C-alpha atoms as a PDB file:
ATOM      1  CA  MET A   1       0.000   0.000   0.000  1.00  0.00           C
ATOM      2  CA  ILE A   2       1.379   3.421  -0.993  1.00  0.00           C
ATOM      3  CA  ILE A   3       0.691   6.323   1.349  1.00  0.00           C
ATOM      4  CA  SER A   4       0.562   9.765  -0.263  1.00  0.00           C
ATOM      5  CA  GLU A   5       2.468  12.715   1.164  1.00  0.00           C
ATOM      6  CA  ASN A   6      -0.803  14.424   2.095  1.00  0.00           C
ATOM      7  CA  ASP A   7      -1.995  11.317   3.945  1.00  0.00           C
ATOM      8  CA  ARG A   8       1.309  11.113   5.796  1.00  0.00           C
ATOM      9  CA  CYS A   9       1.169  14.817   6.755  1.00  0.00           C
ATOM     10  CA  TYR A  10      -2.404  14.408   7.987  1.00  0.00           C
ATOM     11  CA  GLU A  11      -1.389  11.359  10.011  1.00  0.00           C
ATOM     12  CA  ILE A  12       1.526  13.225  11.610  1.00  0.00           C
ATOM     13  CA  ARG A  13      -0.644  16.249  12.456  1.00  0.00           C
ATOM     14  CA  HIS A  14      -3.307  13.962  13.918  1.00  0.00           C
ATOM     15  CA  LYS A  15      -0.759  12.135  16.089  1.00  0.00           C
ATOM     16  CA  ALA A  16       0.762  15.438  17.233  1.00  0.00           C
ATOM     17  CA  SER A  17      -2.666  16.803  18.108  1.00  0.00           C
ATOM     18  CA  ASN A  18      -3.485  13.688  20.137  1.00  0.00           C
ATOM     19  CA  LEU A  19      -0.160  13.862  21.977  1.00  0.00           C
ATOM     20  CA  LEU A  20      -0.709  17.538  22.813  1.00  0.00           C
ATOM     21  CA  LYS A  21      -4.192  16.709  24.112  1.00  0.00           C
ATOM     22  CA  GLU A  22      -2.705  13.972  26.296  1.00  0.00           C
ATOM     23  CA  LEU A  23      -0.216  16.475  27.688  1.00  0.00           C
ATOM     24  CA  ASN A  24      -3.011  19.033  28.195  1.00  0.00           C
ATOM     25  CA  ILE A  25      -1.277  21.571  25.956  1.00  0.00           C
ATOM     26  CA  ASP A  26      -3.455  24.024  24.094  1.00  0.00           C
ATOM     27  CA  THR A  27      -2.216  24.107  20.490  1.00  0.00           C
ATOM     28  CA  SER A  28      -3.293  27.732  19.993  1.00  0.00           C
ATOM     29  CA  THR A  29      -1.095  28.707  22.943  1.00  0.00           C
ATOM     30  CA  ALA A  30       1.832  26.780  21.484  1.00  0.00           C
ATOM     31  CA  ILE A  31       1.464  28.706  18.225  1.00  0.00           C
ATOM     32  CA  ASP A  32       1.351  32.021  20.104  1.00  0.00           C
ATOM     33  CA  ILE A  33       4.549  31.109  21.947  1.00  0.00           C
ATOM     34  CA  ARG A  34       6.331  30.416  18.637  1.00  0.00           C
ATOM     35  CA  ASN A  35       5.214  33.796  17.307  1.00  0.00           C
ATOM     36  CA  ILE A  36       6.393  35.539  20.464  1.00  0.00           C
ATOM     37  CA  ILE A  37       9.810  33.871  20.205  1.00  0.00           C
ATOM     38  CA  ARG A  38      10.045  34.741  16.500  1.00  0.00           C
ATOM     39  CA  LYS A  39       9.238  38.426  17.180  1.00  0.00           C
ATOM     40  CA  TYR A  40      11.749  38.498  20.037  1.00  0.00           C
ATOM     41  CA  LEU A  41      14.499  37.146  17.787  1.00  0.00           C
ATOM     42  CA  GLN A  42      13.586  39.465  14.910  1.00  0.00           C
ATOM     43  CA  LYS A  43      13.955  42.574  17.079  1.00  0.00           C
ATOM     44  CA  ASP A  44      17.719  41.992  17.026  1.00  0.00           C
ATOM     45  CA  ALA A  45      17.916  41.113  13.322  1.00  0.00           C
ATOM     46  CA  ASP A  46      19.150  44.541  12.144  1.00  0.00           C
ATOM     47  CA  ILE A  47      22.360  44.345  14.172  1.00  0.00           C
ATOM     48  CA  LYS A  48      24.429  46.501  11.779  1.00  0.00           C
ATOM     49  CA  ASN A  49      22.330  49.566  12.589  1.00  0.00           C
ATOM     50  CA  LYS A  50      22.603  49.176  16.369  1.00  0.00           C
ATOM     51  CA  SER A  51      25.017  50.938  18.708  1.00  0.00           C
ATOM     52  CA  PRO A  52      28.219  49.088  19.681  1.00  0.00           C
ATOM     53  CA  ASP A  53      26.813  48.377  23.164  1.00  0.00           C
ATOM     54  CA  GLU A  54      23.605  46.961  21.670  1.00  0.00           C
ATOM     55  CA  GLN A  55      25.641  44.862  19.222  1.00  0.00           C
ATOM     56  CA  LYS A  56      27.668  43.445  22.119  1.00  0.00           C
ATOM     57  CA  ARG A  57      24.492  42.583  24.058  1.00  0.00           C
ATOM     58  CA  ILE A  58      22.953  40.890  21.016  1.00  0.00           C
ATOM     59  CA  ILE A  59      26.084  38.859  20.296  1.00  0.00           C
ATOM     60  CA  GLN A  60      26.317  37.750  23.933  1.00  0.00           C
ATOM     61  CA  ALA A  61      22.655  36.689  23.843  1.00  0.00           C
ATOM     62  CA  TYR A  62      22.952  34.495  20.748  1.00  0.00           C
ATOM     63  CA  VAL A  63      26.585  33.381  20.468  1.00  0.00           C
ATOM     64  CA  LYS A  64      27.999  30.839  22.886  1.00  0.00           C
ATOM     65  CA  LYS A  65      31.514  30.656  21.502  1.00  0.00           C
ATOM     66  CA  VAL A  66      33.659  31.872  18.591  1.00  0.00           C
ATOM     67  CA  ILE A  67      36.553  29.645  17.506  1.00  0.00           C
ATOM     68  CA  VAL A  68      39.140  31.227  15.202  1.00  0.00           C
ATOM     69  CA  TYR A  69      41.303  28.964  13.041  1.00  0.00           C
ATOM     70  CA  ASP A  70      43.931  29.939  10.470  1.00  0.00           C
ATOM     71  CA  ASN A  71      41.497  29.779   7.540  1.00  0.00           C
ATOM     72  CA  THR A  72      38.036  29.669   9.119  1.00  0.00           C
ATOM     73  CA  ILE A  73      35.920  30.952  11.964  1.00  0.00           C
ATOM     74  CA  ASP A  74      33.372  28.724  13.739  1.00  0.00           C
ATOM     75  CA  ILE A  75      30.492  30.312  15.616  1.00  0.00           C
ATOM     76  CA  VAL A  76      28.637  28.190  18.173  1.00  0.00           C
ATOM     77  CA  LYS A  77      25.160  29.699  18.530  1.00  0.00           C
ATOM     78  CA  ILE A  78      22.930  29.615  21.566  1.00  0.00           C
ATOM     79  CA  MET A  79      19.785  30.029  19.471  1.00  0.00           C
ATOM     80  CA  ASP A  80      18.545  31.132  16.061  1.00  0.00           C
ATOM     81  CA  LEU A  81      15.362  31.191  13.970  1.00  0.00           C
ATOM     82  CA  ASN A  82      15.843  27.674  12.620  1.00  0.00           C
ATOM     83  CA  GLY A  83      13.282  25.204  13.947  1.00  0.00           C
ATOM     84  CA  ILE A  84      10.796  27.779  15.091  1.00  0.00           C
END
């Protein structure tokens, strides 16, 4: 039996909804929380136009560690917009 992508998506959403109900989590609240987090992160998005002190605060809030090598720089982030 071949399951279409739409059927699979519906099945996943249905399972997620049931799990949230079991955990007594209101899905509309969960969506609001994601939007709040997204807006919070976007307020710092225009970092180039911020003062040096604001830039420092933003970097400290989102960057855990910067590793400088001879040819590359690695940035270990605390959080970003991915996965929201």
